[in-house]
Amino acid sequence: MTDKLRNESAEQELKGIGQQVKGKVQEGAGKITGNEDLEAEGNLNQAGGRVREKMGEAGRNVADALDPDRDKP
């Protein structure tokens, strides 16, 4: 169970990082083109990505707390 939680959490962290990158690109494109809507969408994607990444970190921490001896030899 903890391995599944750990894997799903890592996936969410990576997706969150990817969402942040997408948002940064959108923000930059919006600034370059003067498209305020695209820039705002980019900012929202970055914020959502940060939340998703932190949720993944929290899930991983829960998995570690449930199975503290997992990484010990």
Protein backbone atom coordinates (compact mmCIF):
# COMPACT_ATOMS: atom_id res chain seq x y z
CA MET A 1 0.00 0.00 0.00
CA THR A 2 2.75 2.46 0.87
CA ASP A 3 4.58 1.69 -2.37
CA LYS A 4 1.47 2.54 -4.38
CA LEU A 5 0.99 5.78 -2.42
CA ARG A 6 4.66 6.62 -2.85
CA ASN A 7 4.51 5.99 -6.63
CA GLU A 8 1.29 7.96 -7.10
CA SER A 9 2.70 10.82 -5.05
CA ALA A 10 5.88 10.92 -7.11
CA GLU A 11 3.76 11.00 -10.26
CA GLN A 12 1.78 13.96 -8.89
CA GLU A 13 5.00 15.79 -8.03
CA LEU A 14 6.28 15.34 -11.58
CA LYS A 15 2.98 16.40 -13.11
CA GLY A 16 3.01 19.47 -10.87
CA ILE A 17 6.48 20.40 -12.05
CA GLY A 18 5.38 19.92 -15.66
CA GLN A 19 2.34 22.11 -15.09
CA GLN A 20 4.58 24.81 -13.65
CA VAL A 21 6.82 24.69 -16.73
CA LYS A 22 3.77 24.91 -19.01
CA GLY A 23 2.54 27.89 -17.03
CA LYS A 24 5.90 29.63 -17.25
CA VAL A 25 5.89 29.20 -21.03
CA GLN A 26 2.33 30.52 -21.26
CA GLU A 27 3.18 33.48 -19.06
CA GLY A 28 6.21 34.31 -21.19
CA ALA A 29 4.28 33.97 -24.43
CA GLY A 30 1.55 36.18 -23.03
CA LYS A 31 4.06 38.86 -22.06
CA ILE A 32 5.79 38.75 -25.44
CA THR A 33 2.55 38.94 -27.41
CA GLY A 34 0.76 41.31 -25.05
CA ASN A 35 -1.93 38.70 -24.42
CA GLU A 36 -2.96 39.33 -20.81
CA ASP A 37 -5.35 36.36 -20.78
CA LEU A 38 -2.58 33.95 -21.76
CA GLU A 39 -0.27 35.51 -19.20
CA ALA A 40 -2.94 35.11 -16.49
CA GLU A 41 -3.57 31.51 -17.55
CA GLY A 42 0.14 30.87 -17.23
CA ASN A 43 0.18 32.28 -13.72
CA LEU A 44 -2.77 30.07 -12.77
CA ASN A 45 -1.06 26.99 -14.20
CA GLN A 46 2.07 27.76 -12.23
CA ALA A 47 0.09 28.11 -9.00
CA GLY A 48 -1.84 24.90 -9.69
CA GLY A 49 1.41 23.11 -10.45
CA ARG A 50 2.94 24.22 -7.17
CA VAL A 51 -0.12 22.93 -5.30
CA ARG A 52 0.00 19.62 -7.17
CA GLU A 53 3.72 19.24 -6.45
CA LYS A 54 3.20 19.94 -2.73
CA MET A 55 0.32 17.44 -2.59
CA GLY A 56 2.65 14.82 -4.06
CA GLU A 57 5.32 15.67 -1.49
CA ALA A 58 2.76 15.36 1.30
CA GLY A 59 1.63 11.96 0.03
CA ARG A 60 5.21 10.75 -0.10
CA ASN A 61 5.77 11.98 3.46
CA VAL A 62 2.68 10.07 4.61
CA ALA A 63 3.95 6.91 2.90
CA ASP A 64 7.33 7.36 4.60
CA ALA A 65 5.63 7.82 7.98
CA LEU A 66 3.56 4.67 7.48
CA ASP A 67 6.58 2.60 6.52
CA PRO A 68 9.65 4.23 8.15
CA ASP A 69 11.86 1.12 7.80
CA ARG A 70 11.37 0.77 4.03
CA ASP A 71 14.71 2.31 3.04
CA LYS A 72 16.73 0.68 5.80
CA PRO A 73 18.93 -2.35 4.97
